Amino acid sequence: MNKNVEIGSLIIRLVLGFTFLVHGFQKWQGGIENTVGFFDSLGIPGFMAYIVATIELVGGILIILGLATRVIGALFIAVMLGAIFTAKLKSGFVGGFEFDIALIAMSAHLFLAGSQFLALDKVVFKKKKLLFLFKKKAVNKKESLYSPNISFQVSPAV
C-alpha cells in the first residue's frame, strides 16, 4: 500500500483508538452502574453496558497497538450504529450524531483497508504465504509464475 495512505491510516488508528479508549475508561471509571442505568432508560438491556464499555476500552487499546484492527473496526461500527439509533437520532445531525458518523467513517476505513504501519498485527500474525507448496518457474507468456511443486511416480500396473 502507498506509504502516505499507511501513515494516514496510522493517524486514524491512533485517534480512533484513543477516543474509544477514553470513552470506555470513562464508563468504567464513572461507575458502570450509571451506564447500566442509562442503557435501561433507553430500553437497552443493562448488561449491554458492560459489553459496550469493554469493546470501547479493550478495542481502543487493541486499535492503538494495531491488533485485530479490522475486527475492532467492525465492532466500533456496530457500537456507533447502536448509539445513533437508540440515543442520538432524535437529536438530529448537528449536536446529535455527527461525531458518531465521523467515528463510523474512521472505523469503516480501518475495517476495509486495515492499517499495517507500526502495527503489532504484522509482528504477531505474520502472514504466511502459501508459496511453500509452489516452486518458482521461468515465466513465459503461457505459464504462470508459480506451478505446484508436486511430483508423482507412476508404478507399472501388475
N, C-alpha and C. Protein backbone atom coordinates (compact mmCIF):
# COMPACT_ATOMS: atom_id res chain seq x y z
N MET A 1 0.85 -1.18 0.00
CA MET A 1 0.00 0.00 0.00
C MET A 1 0.89 1.24 0.00
N ASN A 2 0.38 2.31 -0.51
CA ASN A 2 1.09 3.57 -0.58
C ASN A 2 1.51 4.03 0.82
N LYS A 3 2.74 4.51 0.95
CA LYS A 3 3.27 4.92 2.25
C LYS A 3 2.43 6.04 2.88
N ASN A 4 2.00 7.01 2.08
CA ASN A 4 1.18 8.10 2.60
C ASN A 4 -0.17 7.60 3.11
N VAL A 5 -0.73 6.63 2.41
CA VAL A 5 -2.01 6.05 2.85
C VAL A 5 -1.81 5.33 4.18
N GLU A 6 -0.70 4.61 4.31
CA GLU A 6 -0.43 3.90 5.57
C GLU A 6 -0.21 4.88 6.73
N ILE A 7 0.46 5.98 6.47
CA ILE A 7 0.65 6.99 7.53
C ILE A 7 -0.70 7.59 7.91
N GLY A 8 -1.54 7.87 6.92
CA GLY A 8 -2.90 8.37 7.19
C GLY A 8 -3.71 7.36 7.99
N SER A 9 -3.60 6.09 7.64
CA SER A 9 -4.31 5.05 8.38
C SER A 9 -3.80 4.94 9.81
N LEU A 10 -2.50 5.13 10.00
CA LEU A 10 -1.93 5.12 11.35
C LEU A 10 -2.51 6.26 12.18
N ILE A 11 -2.61 7.43 11.60
CA ILE A 11 -3.17 8.58 12.32
C ILE A 11 -4.62 8.30 12.69
N ILE A 12 -5.40 7.78 11.75
CA ILE A 12 -6.80 7.43 12.03
C ILE A 12 -6.85 6.39 13.14
N ARG A 13 -5.98 5.37 13.06
CA ARG A 13 -5.97 4.30 14.06
C ARG A 13 -5.67 4.84 15.45
N LEU A 14 -4.70 5.73 15.57
CA LEU A 14 -4.33 6.27 16.87
C LEU A 14 -5.42 7.17 17.45
N VAL A 15 -5.98 8.04 16.62
CA VAL A 15 -7.03 8.96 17.10
C VAL A 15 -8.28 8.17 17.47
N LEU A 16 -8.68 7.25 16.62
CA LEU A 16 -9.87 6.43 16.90
C LEU A 16 -9.67 5.59 18.16
N GLY A 17 -8.50 4.96 18.26
CA GLY A 17 -8.22 4.13 19.44
C GLY A 17 -8.23 4.94 20.72
N PHE A 18 -7.60 6.10 20.69
CA PHE A 18 -7.56 6.95 21.89
C PHE A 18 -8.98 7.41 22.26
N THR A 19 -9.77 7.78 21.26
CA THR A 19 -11.14 8.24 21.51
C THR A 19 -11.98 7.16 22.18
N PHE A 20 -11.93 5.95 21.64
CA PHE A 20 -12.71 4.86 22.24
C PHE A 20 -12.14 4.44 23.58
N LEU A 21 -10.83 4.43 23.72
CA LEU A 21 -10.20 4.09 24.99
C LEU A 21 -10.68 5.02 26.09
N VAL A 22 -10.68 6.31 25.83
CA VAL A 22 -11.10 7.29 26.83
C VAL A 22 -12.59 7.11 27.17
N HIS A 23 -13.42 6.91 26.15
CA HIS A 23 -14.85 6.73 26.42
C HIS A 23 -15.13 5.43 27.19
N GLY A 24 -14.41 4.37 26.85
CA GLY A 24 -14.57 3.11 27.59
C GLY A 24 -14.09 3.24 29.02
N PHE A 25 -12.95 3.88 29.20
CA PHE A 25 -12.40 4.11 30.54
C PHE A 25 -13.37 4.94 31.37
N GLN A 26 -13.95 5.96 30.76
CA GLN A 26 -14.91 6.83 31.46
C GLN A 26 -16.12 6.03 31.95
N LYS A 27 -16.59 5.12 31.13
CA LYS A 27 -17.74 4.31 31.53
C LYS A 27 -17.41 3.45 32.76
N TRP A 28 -16.22 2.86 32.78
CA TRP A 28 -15.83 2.03 33.91
C TRP A 28 -15.46 2.89 35.12
N GLN A 29 -14.72 3.97 34.89
CA GLN A 29 -14.27 4.82 35.99
C GLN A 29 -15.42 5.55 36.66
N GLY A 30 -16.38 6.00 35.87
CA GLY A 30 -17.51 6.75 36.40
C GLY A 30 -18.54 5.87 37.09
N GLY A 31 -18.30 4.59 37.08
CA GLY A 31 -19.25 3.66 37.67
C GLY A 31 -20.11 3.05 36.58
N ILE A 32 -19.84 1.82 36.27
CA ILE A 32 -20.55 1.15 35.18
C ILE A 32 -22.05 1.08 35.46
N GLU A 33 -22.41 1.16 36.75
CA GLU A 33 -23.84 1.12 37.11
C GLU A 33 -24.58 2.32 36.52
N ASN A 34 -23.91 3.47 36.43
CA ASN A 34 -24.53 4.64 35.81
C ASN A 34 -24.83 4.38 34.34
N THR A 35 -23.90 3.73 33.67
CA THR A 35 -24.10 3.41 32.25
C THR A 35 -25.19 2.35 32.11
N VAL A 36 -25.21 1.40 33.03
CA VAL A 36 -26.28 0.38 33.01
C VAL A 36 -27.64 1.07 33.16
N GLY A 37 -27.74 2.01 34.08
CA GLY A 37 -28.99 2.75 34.27
C GLY A 37 -29.38 3.54 33.04
N PHE A 38 -28.40 4.17 32.39
CA PHE A 38 -28.67 4.92 31.17
C PHE A 38 -29.18 4.00 30.06
N PHE A 39 -28.54 2.85 29.91
CA PHE A 39 -28.98 1.88 28.90
C PHE A 39 -30.40 1.42 29.20
N ASP A 40 -30.68 1.12 30.47
CA ASP A 40 -32.04 0.70 30.86
C ASP A 40 -33.06 1.78 30.52
N SER A 41 -32.71 3.04 30.74
CA SER A 41 -33.64 4.14 30.45
C SER A 41 -33.95 4.26 28.96
N LEU A 42 -33.04 3.76 28.13
CA LEU A 42 -33.25 3.79 26.68
C LEU A 42 -33.97 2.54 26.17
N GLY A 43 -34.20 1.60 27.08
CA GLY A 43 -34.82 0.34 26.69
C GLY A 43 -33.82 -0.70 26.21
N ILE A 44 -32.54 -0.45 26.45
CA ILE A 44 -31.49 -1.41 26.09
C ILE A 44 -31.18 -2.22 27.34
N PRO A 45 -31.07 -3.54 27.22
CA PRO A 45 -30.74 -4.35 28.40
C PRO A 45 -29.46 -3.85 29.07
N GLY A 46 -29.48 -3.74 30.37
CA GLY A 46 -28.37 -3.19 31.14
C GLY A 46 -27.05 -3.90 30.94
N PHE A 47 -27.09 -5.22 30.72
CA PHE A 47 -25.84 -5.96 30.55
C PHE A 47 -25.07 -5.50 29.32
N MET A 48 -25.77 -4.88 28.37
CA MET A 48 -25.09 -4.38 27.16
C MET A 48 -24.09 -3.27 27.49
N ALA A 49 -24.31 -2.58 28.62
CA ALA A 49 -23.37 -1.54 29.03
C ALA A 49 -21.98 -2.13 29.27
N TYR A 50 -21.93 -3.32 29.87
CA TYR A 50 -20.66 -3.99 30.12
C TYR A 50 -19.98 -4.35 28.79
N ILE A 51 -20.77 -4.82 27.85
CA ILE A 51 -20.22 -5.22 26.55
C ILE A 51 -19.69 -4.00 25.81
N VAL A 52 -20.49 -2.94 25.75
CA VAL A 52 -20.08 -1.72 25.04
C VAL A 52 -18.85 -1.11 25.69
N ALA A 53 -18.84 -1.00 27.01
CA ALA A 53 -17.70 -0.40 27.71
C ALA A 53 -16.43 -1.23 27.49
N THR A 54 -16.56 -2.53 27.47
CA THR A 54 -15.40 -3.40 27.24
C THR A 54 -14.90 -3.27 25.81
N ILE A 55 -15.83 -3.24 24.84
CA ILE A 55 -15.43 -3.06 23.44
C ILE A 55 -14.69 -1.74 23.29
N GLU A 56 -15.21 -0.69 23.91
CA GLU A 56 -14.57 0.62 23.78
C GLU A 56 -13.19 0.64 24.44
N LEU A 57 -13.09 0.13 25.65
CA LEU A 57 -11.82 0.16 26.38
C LEU A 57 -10.77 -0.76 25.75
N VAL A 58 -11.10 -2.03 25.65
CA VAL A 58 -10.16 -3.01 25.12
C VAL A 58 -9.92 -2.77 23.62
N GLY A 59 -10.99 -2.48 22.90
CA GLY A 59 -10.86 -2.19 21.47
C GLY A 59 -9.98 -0.98 21.22
N GLY A 60 -10.11 0.04 22.05
CA GLY A 60 -9.26 1.22 21.91
C GLY A 60 -7.79 0.87 22.07
N ILE A 61 -7.49 0.06 23.07
CA ILE A 61 -6.11 -0.36 23.29
C ILE A 61 -5.60 -1.18 22.11
N LEU A 62 -6.42 -2.14 21.66
CA LEU A 62 -6.01 -3.00 20.56
C LEU A 62 -5.79 -2.22 19.26
N ILE A 63 -6.67 -1.28 18.99
CA ILE A 63 -6.52 -0.46 17.76
C ILE A 63 -5.23 0.37 17.84
N ILE A 64 -4.96 0.96 18.98
CA ILE A 64 -3.72 1.74 19.13
C ILE A 64 -2.51 0.86 18.87
N LEU A 65 -2.54 -0.36 19.39
CA LEU A 65 -1.42 -1.28 19.20
C LEU A 65 -1.39 -1.88 17.79
N GLY A 66 -2.51 -1.77 17.09
CA GLY A 66 -2.58 -2.34 15.75
C GLY A 66 -2.84 -3.83 15.77
N LEU A 67 -3.63 -4.27 16.73
CA LEU A 67 -4.01 -5.69 16.83
C LEU A 67 -5.49 -5.85 16.50
N ALA A 68 -5.80 -6.77 15.62
CA ALA A 68 -7.18 -7.07 15.22
C ALA A 68 -7.89 -5.80 14.72
N THR A 69 -7.18 -5.01 13.97
CA THR A 69 -7.69 -3.70 13.54
C THR A 69 -9.01 -3.81 12.79
N ARG A 70 -9.11 -4.73 11.88
CA ARG A 70 -10.34 -4.86 11.08
C ARG A 70 -11.51 -5.33 11.93
N VAL A 71 -11.27 -6.28 12.80
CA VAL A 71 -12.34 -6.80 13.67
C VAL A 71 -12.83 -5.71 14.61
N ILE A 72 -11.90 -5.00 15.23
CA ILE A 72 -12.27 -3.93 16.16
C ILE A 72 -12.97 -2.81 15.40
N GLY A 73 -12.52 -2.51 14.20
CA GLY A 73 -13.20 -1.51 13.38
C GLY A 73 -14.67 -1.87 13.16
N ALA A 74 -14.93 -3.14 12.87
CA ALA A 74 -16.31 -3.59 12.68
C ALA A 74 -17.11 -3.49 13.98
N LEU A 75 -16.50 -3.82 15.10
CA LEU A 75 -17.19 -3.71 16.40
C LEU A 75 -17.50 -2.26 16.73
N PHE A 76 -16.57 -1.36 16.43
CA PHE A 76 -16.81 0.07 16.67
C PHE A 76 -17.97 0.58 15.81
N ILE A 77 -18.06 0.11 14.58
CA ILE A 77 -19.18 0.50 13.71
C ILE A 77 -20.49 0.06 14.34
N ALA A 78 -20.54 -1.17 14.84
CA ALA A 78 -21.76 -1.69 15.47
C ALA A 78 -22.14 -0.87 16.70
N VAL A 79 -21.16 -0.54 17.52
CA VAL A 79 -21.41 0.26 18.73
C VAL A 79 -21.96 1.63 18.36
N MET A 80 -21.36 2.27 17.37
CA MET A 80 -21.79 3.62 16.98
C MET A 80 -23.17 3.60 16.32
N LEU A 81 -23.45 2.60 15.51
CA LEU A 81 -24.80 2.49 14.93
C LEU A 81 -25.84 2.30 16.03
N GLY A 82 -25.49 1.49 17.03
CA GLY A 82 -26.38 1.32 18.17
C GLY A 82 -26.62 2.62 18.90
N ALA A 83 -25.56 3.40 19.10
CA ALA A 83 -25.68 4.69 19.79
C ALA A 83 -26.56 5.65 18.99
N ILE A 84 -26.37 5.68 17.69
CA ILE A 84 -27.17 6.58 16.85
C ILE A 84 -28.65 6.21 16.90
N PHE A 85 -28.94 4.95 16.67
CA PHE A 85 -30.34 4.55 16.53
C PHE A 85 -31.09 4.42 17.85
N THR A 86 -30.37 4.34 18.97
CA THR A 86 -31.07 4.24 20.25
C THR A 86 -31.08 5.55 21.03
N ALA A 87 -30.08 6.38 20.84
CA ALA A 87 -29.97 7.57 21.70
C ALA A 87 -29.87 8.89 20.97
N LYS A 88 -29.29 8.93 19.79
CA LYS A 88 -28.92 10.22 19.22
C LYS A 88 -29.70 10.63 17.98
N LEU A 89 -30.42 9.74 17.38
CA LEU A 89 -31.12 10.04 16.13
C LEU A 89 -32.12 11.17 16.29
N LYS A 90 -32.81 11.19 17.42
CA LYS A 90 -33.83 12.22 17.67
C LYS A 90 -33.23 13.62 17.78
N SER A 91 -31.95 13.70 18.13
CA SER A 91 -31.29 14.99 18.29
C SER A 91 -30.88 15.61 16.96
N GLY A 92 -30.95 14.85 15.89
CA GLY A 92 -30.55 15.36 14.59
C GLY A 92 -29.06 15.24 14.37
N PHE A 93 -28.64 15.69 13.20
CA PHE A 93 -27.23 15.55 12.83
C PHE A 93 -26.34 16.48 13.65
N VAL A 94 -26.56 17.79 13.54
CA VAL A 94 -25.74 18.76 14.26
C VAL A 94 -26.15 18.74 15.74
N GLY A 95 -25.17 18.52 16.59
CA GLY A 95 -25.45 18.44 18.01
C GLY A 95 -26.01 17.08 18.42
N GLY A 96 -26.09 16.17 17.48
CA GLY A 96 -26.62 14.84 17.77
C GLY A 96 -25.63 13.75 17.43
N PHE A 97 -25.69 13.30 16.19
CA PHE A 97 -24.88 12.14 15.83
C PHE A 97 -23.77 12.41 14.82
N GLU A 98 -23.40 13.68 14.62
CA GLU A 98 -22.34 13.97 13.64
C GLU A 98 -21.00 13.37 14.07
N PHE A 99 -20.69 13.40 15.36
CA PHE A 99 -19.44 12.82 15.84
C PHE A 99 -19.44 11.31 15.66
N ASP A 100 -20.59 10.70 15.89
CA ASP A 100 -20.72 9.25 15.72
C ASP A 100 -20.50 8.84 14.26
N ILE A 101 -21.00 9.67 13.33
CA ILE A 101 -20.80 9.40 11.91
C ILE A 101 -19.31 9.48 11.56
N ALA A 102 -18.63 10.46 12.13
CA ALA A 102 -17.19 10.57 11.89
C ALA A 102 -16.45 9.34 12.42
N LEU A 103 -16.83 8.86 13.60
CA LEU A 103 -16.21 7.65 14.16
C LEU A 103 -16.53 6.43 13.30
N ILE A 104 -17.75 6.37 12.76
CA ILE A 104 -18.11 5.27 11.86
C ILE A 104 -17.26 5.32 10.60
N ALA A 105 -17.06 6.50 10.04
CA ALA A 105 -16.25 6.64 8.83
C ALA A 105 -14.81 6.19 9.09
N MET A 106 -14.26 6.60 10.23
CA MET A 106 -12.90 6.20 10.57
C MET A 106 -12.82 4.69 10.78
N SER A 107 -13.80 4.14 11.47
CA SER A 107 -13.83 2.69 11.71
C SER A 107 -14.00 1.92 10.41
N ALA A 108 -14.84 2.43 9.52
CA ALA A 108 -15.05 1.79 8.23
C ALA A 108 -13.76 1.77 7.41
N HIS A 109 -13.02 2.86 7.47
CA HIS A 109 -11.73 2.89 6.76
C HIS A 109 -10.81 1.79 7.28
N LEU A 110 -10.70 1.68 8.59
CA LEU A 110 -9.82 0.65 9.15
C LEU A 110 -10.35 -0.75 8.90
N PHE A 111 -11.67 -0.90 8.91
CA PHE A 111 -12.27 -2.21 8.62
C PHE A 111 -11.96 -2.62 7.18
N LEU A 112 -12.08 -1.71 6.25
CA LEU A 112 -11.89 -2.03 4.84
C LEU A 112 -10.42 -2.07 4.43
N ALA A 113 -9.63 -1.13 4.92
CA ALA A 113 -8.25 -1.01 4.46
C ALA A 113 -7.23 -1.61 5.43
N GLY A 114 -7.59 -1.73 6.69
CA GLY A 114 -6.63 -2.18 7.68
C GLY A 114 -5.60 -1.08 7.93
N SER A 115 -4.60 -1.41 8.71
CA SER A 115 -3.51 -0.48 8.99
C SER A 115 -2.31 -1.29 9.42
N GLN A 116 -1.33 -1.38 8.56
CA GLN A 116 -0.16 -2.22 8.81
C GLN A 116 1.03 -1.45 9.40
N PHE A 117 1.07 -0.15 9.16
CA PHE A 117 2.22 0.64 9.55
C PHE A 117 2.30 0.74 11.07
N LEU A 118 3.42 0.33 11.65
CA LEU A 118 3.64 0.32 13.10
C LEU A 118 2.53 -0.44 13.83
N ALA A 119 2.09 -1.53 13.26
CA ALA A 119 1.02 -2.35 13.85
C ALA A 119 1.60 -3.68 14.34
N LEU A 120 1.15 -4.11 15.50
CA LEU A 120 1.62 -5.39 16.04
C LEU A 120 1.03 -6.59 15.29
N ASP A 121 -0.06 -6.38 14.57
CA ASP A 121 -0.62 -7.45 13.75
C ASP A 121 0.45 -8.03 12.83
N LYS A 122 1.26 -7.15 12.28
CA LYS A 122 2.30 -7.54 11.34
C LYS A 122 3.34 -8.43 12.02
N VAL A 123 3.57 -8.20 13.30
CA VAL A 123 4.57 -8.97 14.04
C VAL A 123 3.97 -10.25 14.61
N VAL A 124 2.82 -10.13 15.23
CA VAL A 124 2.21 -11.26 15.92
C VAL A 124 1.65 -12.28 14.94
N PHE A 125 0.94 -11.79 13.94
CA PHE A 125 0.30 -12.68 12.98
C PHE A 125 0.97 -12.51 11.62
N LYS A 126 2.19 -12.99 11.52
CA LYS A 126 2.92 -12.88 10.26
C LYS A 126 2.11 -13.62 9.20
N LYS A 127 1.92 -12.93 8.10
CA LYS A 127 1.17 -13.55 7.02
C LYS A 127 2.03 -14.65 6.41
N LYS A 128 1.51 -15.85 6.49
CA LYS A 128 2.22 -16.98 5.93
C LYS A 128 1.80 -17.14 4.48
N LYS A 129 2.76 -17.04 3.63
CA LYS A 129 2.46 -17.20 2.22
C LYS A 129 2.39 -18.69 1.92
N LEU A 130 1.47 -19.04 1.11
CA LEU A 130 1.28 -20.44 0.77
C LEU A 130 2.17 -20.85 -0.39
N LEU A 131 3.29 -20.18 -0.48
CA LEU A 131 4.19 -20.49 -1.58
C LEU A 131 5.10 -21.67 -1.27
N PHE A 132 5.05 -22.20 -0.06
CA PHE A 132 5.88 -23.34 0.26
C PHE A 132 5.49 -24.56 -0.58
N LEU A 133 4.27 -24.57 -1.09
CA LEU A 133 3.84 -25.67 -1.95
C LEU A 133 4.22 -25.43 -3.41
N PHE A 134 4.73 -24.28 -3.68
CA PHE A 134 5.00 -23.92 -5.06
C PHE A 134 6.47 -23.61 -5.25
N LYS A 135 6.96 -23.93 -6.41
CA LYS A 135 8.34 -23.56 -6.72
C LYS A 135 8.31 -22.52 -7.82
N LYS A 136 9.30 -21.70 -7.83
CA LYS A 136 9.37 -20.65 -8.83
C LYS A 136 9.81 -21.25 -10.16
N LYS A 137 9.11 -20.86 -11.22
CA LYS A 137 9.42 -21.34 -12.56
C LYS A 137 9.81 -20.17 -13.44
N ALA A 138 10.40 -20.51 -14.54
CA ALA A 138 10.65 -19.49 -15.55
C ALA A 138 9.31 -19.01 -16.07
N VAL A 139 9.24 -17.75 -16.34
CA VAL A 139 7.98 -17.17 -16.75
C VAL A 139 7.99 -16.97 -18.26
N ASN A 140 6.98 -17.47 -18.89
CA ASN A 140 6.74 -17.10 -20.27
C ASN A 140 5.28 -16.74 -20.41
N LYS A 141 4.86 -16.38 -21.57
CA LYS A 141 3.52 -15.84 -21.74
C LYS A 141 2.43 -16.86 -21.48
N LYS A 142 2.73 -18.14 -21.62
CA LYS A 142 1.68 -19.15 -21.48
C LYS A 142 1.67 -19.82 -20.12
N GLU A 143 2.67 -19.58 -19.30
CA GLU A 143 2.74 -20.23 -18.00
C GLU A 143 2.59 -19.22 -16.87
N SER A 144 2.09 -19.69 -15.75
CA SER A 144 2.01 -18.81 -14.59
C SER A 144 3.36 -18.77 -13.90
N LEU A 145 3.53 -17.80 -13.02
CA LEU A 145 4.79 -17.63 -12.31
C LEU A 145 5.08 -18.81 -11.39
N TYR A 146 4.07 -19.37 -10.80
CA TYR A 146 4.24 -20.47 -9.87
C TYR A 146 3.46 -21.68 -10.36
N SER A 147 4.06 -22.82 -10.18
CA SER A 147 3.34 -24.05 -10.50
C SER A 147 3.52 -24.99 -9.32
N PRO A 148 2.60 -25.91 -9.12
CA PRO A 148 2.72 -26.79 -7.96
C PRO A 148 4.02 -27.58 -7.97
N ASN A 149 4.61 -27.72 -6.82
CA ASN A 149 5.84 -28.49 -6.66
C ASN A 149 5.46 -29.89 -6.19
N ILE A 150 4.72 -30.55 -7.00
CA ILE A 150 4.22 -31.87 -6.64
C ILE A 150 4.68 -32.84 -7.72
N SER A 151 5.31 -33.89 -7.31
CA SER A 151 5.74 -34.88 -8.31
C SER A 151 5.05 -36.20 -8.00
N PHE A 152 4.78 -36.91 -9.06
CA PHE A 152 4.12 -38.22 -8.92
C PHE A 152 5.00 -39.26 -9.57
N GLN A 153 5.04 -40.41 -9.00
CA GLN A 153 5.71 -41.54 -9.61
C GLN A 153 4.65 -42.54 -9.97
N VAL A 154 4.68 -42.95 -11.20
CA VAL A 154 3.69 -43.91 -11.67
C VAL A 154 4.32 -45.28 -11.67
N SER A 155 3.70 -46.18 -10.96
CA SER A 155 4.18 -47.57 -10.94
C SER A 155 3.51 -48.34 -12.06
N PRO A 156 4.24 -49.21 -12.67
CA PRO A 156 3.61 -50.02 -13.73
C PRO A 156 2.54 -50.92 -13.13
N ALA A 157 1.48 -51.08 -13.86
CA ALA A 157 0.37 -51.92 -13.39
C ALA A 157 0.81 -53.37 -13.43
N VAL A 158 0.42 -54.15 -12.47
CA VAL A 158 0.81 -55.55 -12.40
C VAL A 158 -0.24 -56.39 -13.05
